Amino acid sequence: MGDAIKYLYSQFILRDVLSFITPGAIIVAATTYVFYPELLERPIHWLLFIPLFGVCYIIGFALQCFGELFGFIRFTPYDERSWQKRFGIFSCKYTHDYDNPCKSNIWWWEEQEKLTEFFEAIAENEGAQQGHERLVVLKQMCGNGFIAIAIASVLIAAKFCPCTYVQIALGVLLAIVLLGSLFWGHRVHLLKQYTRENIIMERRKNKS
């Protein structure tokens, strides 16, 4: 039980609630305030909080993908700064030319190698793992929170615009951009997983 509580605190509460659910809730609250303000006055059944947390999580993760895609925020020093390469992930092609990662659109090969070595180094150091996790949480919370507050401010400001079409256009644009960012995030994490798996397998072959 103690290990389960500790895992929930370090892995779920800190990273997911602060980094994704809270920024997502900011957008949900702002959107509700602009388009359906009467919903804020109604009581919510406690069972509805479960899917609501899921929606907030997805929106929060989409905000992170949005920030990385358009270059508003960066989460590693190795993040690709070229707009052409970042948008090229929508149609990237995978090759097996590991000696030339640029040809494979694997921009973060060096980053993944460093991460692999780092996690191997702290595999048995619980204090280092907790310290690293805390920095990751703070980094994501600041970046995603910044984008969420900025977008929410624009939405709330649009509520006072006399033209209803502006509000609708902003809502539709936000939905399209976040959906596109989620798809981009899917391609990015697919490529990251692909890269990490091959690095780990190559390291294992070299060790053996």
Protein backbone atom coordinates (compact mmCIF):
# COMPACT_ATOMS: atom_id res chain seq x y z
CA MET A 1 0.00 0.00 0.00
CA GLY A 2 2.85 2.35 0.86
CA ASP A 3 4.52 1.71 -2.49
CA ALA A 4 1.22 2.26 -4.32
CA ILE A 5 0.63 5.62 -2.60
CA LYS A 6 4.20 6.65 -3.28
CA TYR A 7 3.85 5.73 -6.95
CA LEU A 8 0.60 7.67 -7.31
CA TYR A 9 2.17 10.71 -5.67
CA SER A 10 5.36 10.75 -7.71
CA GLN A 11 4.11 9.45 -11.05
CA PHE A 12 0.44 10.42 -11.32
CA ILE A 13 -0.37 13.37 -9.07
CA LEU A 14 2.70 15.47 -9.78
CA ARG A 15 3.18 14.94 -13.49
CA ASP A 16 -0.33 14.29 -14.76
CA VAL A 17 -2.37 16.60 -12.53
CA LEU A 18 0.02 19.53 -12.57
CA SER A 19 1.39 19.12 -16.09
CA PHE A 20 -1.70 18.06 -18.04
CA ILE A 21 -4.99 18.00 -16.12
CA THR A 22 -4.62 21.49 -14.60
CA PRO A 23 -3.73 23.26 -17.91
CA GLY A 24 -6.48 21.30 -19.63
CA ALA A 25 -8.97 22.33 -16.92
CA ILE A 26 -8.04 25.98 -17.50
CA ILE A 27 -9.00 25.66 -21.17
CA VAL A 28 -12.18 23.72 -20.37
CA ALA A 29 -13.23 26.34 -17.81
CA ALA A 30 -12.49 29.25 -20.17
CA THR A 31 -14.33 27.59 -23.07
CA THR A 32 -17.33 26.83 -20.86
CA TYR A 33 -17.35 30.41 -19.59
CA VAL A 34 -17.37 31.77 -23.14
CA PHE A 35 -19.83 29.40 -24.83
CA TYR A 36 -21.89 27.77 -22.04
CA PRO A 37 -21.63 29.93 -18.89
CA GLU A 38 -24.83 28.41 -17.45
CA LEU A 39 -23.01 25.07 -17.01
CA LEU A 40 -20.71 26.62 -14.42
CA GLU A 41 -23.70 27.19 -12.13
CA ARG A 42 -24.93 23.57 -12.24
CA PRO A 43 -23.73 20.91 -9.78
CA ILE A 44 -21.66 18.11 -11.30
CA HIS A 45 -22.20 14.49 -10.31
CA TRP A 46 -19.01 13.00 -8.90
CA LEU A 47 -19.00 10.23 -11.55
CA LEU A 48 -18.69 12.85 -14.28
CA PHE A 49 -15.33 13.94 -12.87
CA ILE A 50 -13.73 10.72 -14.17
CA PRO A 51 -14.33 11.41 -17.89
CA LEU A 52 -13.81 15.12 -17.22
CA PHE A 53 -10.32 14.42 -15.90
CA GLY A 54 -9.67 12.39 -19.04
CA VAL A 55 -10.79 15.24 -21.29
CA CYS A 56 -8.65 17.72 -19.34
CA TYR A 57 -5.67 15.37 -19.62
CA ILE A 58 -6.02 15.05 -23.40
CA ILE A 59 -6.38 18.83 -23.81
CA GLY A 60 -3.39 19.43 -21.54
CA PHE A 61 -1.25 17.03 -23.56
CA ALA A 62 -2.48 18.67 -26.78
CA LEU A 63 -1.34 22.02 -25.36
CA GLN A 64 2.14 20.60 -24.84
CA CYS A 65 2.24 19.26 -28.40
CA PHE A 66 0.96 22.63 -29.65
CA GLY A 67 3.74 24.47 -27.81
CA GLU A 68 6.43 22.16 -29.16
CA LEU A 69 5.05 22.17 -32.71
CA PHE A 70 4.95 25.96 -33.01
CA GLY A 71 8.13 26.51 -31.00
CA PHE A 72 6.55 28.42 -28.11
CA ILE A 73 8.13 26.10 -25.57
CA ARG A 74 11.04 23.66 -25.58
CA PHE A 75 11.48 20.70 -23.27
CA THR A 76 15.05 19.70 -24.13
CA PRO A 77 18.07 21.59 -25.47
CA TYR A 78 17.97 19.24 -28.46
CA ASP A 79 14.47 20.19 -29.63
CA GLU A 80 14.40 20.83 -33.35
CA ARG A 81 14.25 24.57 -34.07
CA SER A 82 13.53 24.33 -37.78
CA TRP A 83 9.86 24.93 -38.62
CA GLN A 84 10.25 22.88 -41.78
CA LYS A 85 11.53 19.85 -39.88
CA ARG A 86 8.97 20.19 -37.09
CA PHE A 87 6.07 20.31 -39.55
CA GLY A 88 7.72 17.63 -41.67
CA ILE A 89 6.97 15.11 -38.93
CA PHE A 90 3.41 14.93 -40.31
CA SER A 91 4.76 13.05 -43.33
CA CYS A 92 8.12 11.72 -42.16
CA LYS A 93 9.54 8.52 -43.61
CA TYR A 94 11.36 5.95 -41.50
CA THR A 95 14.59 4.39 -42.70
CA HIS A 96 17.15 2.08 -41.15
CA ASP A 97 20.10 4.40 -41.75
CA TYR A 98 21.06 4.66 -38.10
CA ASP A 99 24.53 6.02 -38.98
CA ASN A 100 22.88 9.10 -40.43
CA PRO A 101 19.91 9.95 -38.20
CA CYS A 102 19.16 13.15 -40.14
CA LYS A 103 18.21 11.05 -43.16
CA SER A 104 15.76 9.17 -40.97
CA ASN A 105 14.20 12.38 -39.63
CA ILE A 106 15.51 11.30 -36.20
CA TRP A 107 16.56 14.71 -34.93
CA TRP A 108 16.92 13.66 -31.29
CA TRP A 109 19.23 10.66 -31.71
CA GLU A 110 21.85 12.29 -29.50
CA GLU A 111 19.20 13.24 -26.94
CA GLN A 112 17.86 9.69 -26.74
CA GLU A 113 21.38 8.30 -26.31
CA LYS A 114 22.03 10.71 -23.44
CA LEU A 115 18.66 9.85 -21.83
CA THR A 116 19.38 6.14 -22.11
CA GLU A 117 22.77 6.56 -20.45
CA PHE A 118 21.28 8.83 -17.79
CA PHE A 119 18.50 6.43 -16.78
CA GLU A 120 20.97 3.55 -16.68
CA ALA A 121 23.18 5.62 -14.38
CA ILE A 122 20.37 6.42 -11.91
CA ALA A 123 18.62 3.04 -12.13
CA GLU A 124 19.42 2.26 -8.49
CA ASN A 125 19.57 5.82 -7.15
CA GLU A 126 16.09 6.61 -5.83
CA GLY A 127 17.01 10.14 -4.75
CA ALA A 128 18.28 11.02 -8.21
CA GLN A 129 15.14 9.58 -9.79
CA GLN A 130 12.88 11.68 -7.56
CA GLY A 131 14.94 14.80 -8.21
CA HIS A 132 14.78 14.24 -11.96
CA GLU A 133 11.03 13.61 -11.85
CA ARG A 134 10.47 16.83 -9.91
CA LEU A 135 12.39 18.86 -12.50
CA VAL A 136 10.39 17.27 -15.33
CA VAL A 137 7.12 18.10 -13.55
CA LEU A 138 8.11 21.72 -12.94
CA LYS A 139 9.30 22.11 -16.54
CA GLN A 140 6.08 20.75 -18.02
CA MET A 141 3.85 22.59 -15.55
CA CYS A 142 5.42 25.96 -16.39
CA GLY A 143 5.33 25.44 -20.16
CA ASN A 144 1.84 23.97 -20.40
CA GLY A 145 0.46 26.36 -17.80
CA PHE A 146 1.82 29.34 -19.72
CA ILE A 147 0.13 28.25 -22.95
CA ALA A 148 -3.14 27.39 -21.18
CA ILE A 149 -3.37 30.78 -19.45
CA ALA A 150 -2.46 32.63 -22.66
CA ILE A 151 -5.15 30.83 -24.71
CA ALA A 152 -7.73 31.16 -21.93
CA SER A 153 -7.05 34.91 -21.75
CA VAL A 154 -7.71 35.27 -25.49
CA LEU A 155 -10.94 33.25 -25.22
CA ILE A 156 -12.23 35.28 -22.28
CA ALA A 157 -11.32 38.54 -24.03
CA ALA A 158 -13.27 37.36 -27.10
CA LYS A 159 -16.38 36.92 -24.93
CA PHE A 160 -16.66 40.70 -24.67
CA CYS A 161 -16.46 41.09 -28.44
CA PRO A 162 -19.85 42.18 -29.85
CA CYS A 163 -19.44 39.89 -32.85
CA THR A 164 -20.50 36.33 -32.04
CA TYR A 165 -18.75 35.00 -35.15
CA VAL A 166 -15.39 35.95 -33.63
CA GLN A 167 -16.05 33.70 -30.65
CA ILE A 168 -17.16 30.83 -32.86
CA ALA A 169 -14.17 31.26 -35.18
CA LEU A 170 -11.77 31.24 -32.22
CA GLY A 171 -13.38 28.10 -30.81
CA VAL A 172 -13.21 26.26 -34.14
CA LEU A 173 -9.63 27.40 -34.74
CA LEU A 174 -8.58 26.25 -31.26
CA ALA A 175 -10.18 22.83 -31.80
CA ILE A 176 -8.49 22.36 -35.19
CA VAL A 177 -5.08 23.45 -33.93
CA LEU A 178 -5.22 21.22 -30.84
CA LEU A 179 -6.38 18.21 -32.88
CA GLY A 180 -3.57 18.78 -35.38
CA SER A 181 -1.09 19.13 -32.52
CA LEU A 182 -2.27 15.84 -31.02
CA PHE A 183 -1.68 14.08 -34.34
CA TRP A 184 1.77 15.68 -34.55
CA GLY A 185 2.46 14.52 -30.99
CA HIS A 186 1.50 10.98 -31.99
CA ARG A 187 4.04 11.01 -34.84
CA VAL A 188 6.72 12.52 -32.62
CA HIS A 189 6.31 9.94 -29.88
CA LEU A 190 6.18 7.16 -32.43
CA LEU A 191 9.54 8.33 -33.77
CA LYS A 192 10.96 8.77 -30.26
CA GLN A 193 9.93 5.26 -29.30
CA TYR A 194 11.37 3.91 -32.57
CA THR A 195 14.66 5.71 -31.89
CA ARG A 196 14.90 4.71 -28.21
CA GLU A 197 14.20 1.04 -28.94
CA ASN A 198 16.94 0.85 -31.56
CA ILE A 199 19.43 2.65 -29.32
CA ILE A 200 18.75 0.24 -26.46
CA MET A 201 19.03 -2.79 -28.72
CA GLU A 202 22.30 -1.53 -30.23
CA ARG A 203 23.74 -0.87 -26.76
CA ARG A 204 22.77 -4.37 -25.67
CA LYS A 205 24.48 -5.89 -28.73
CA ASN A 206 27.63 -3.87 -28.06
CA LYS A 207 27.71 -4.98 -24.43
CA SER A 208 27.26 -8.63 -25.33
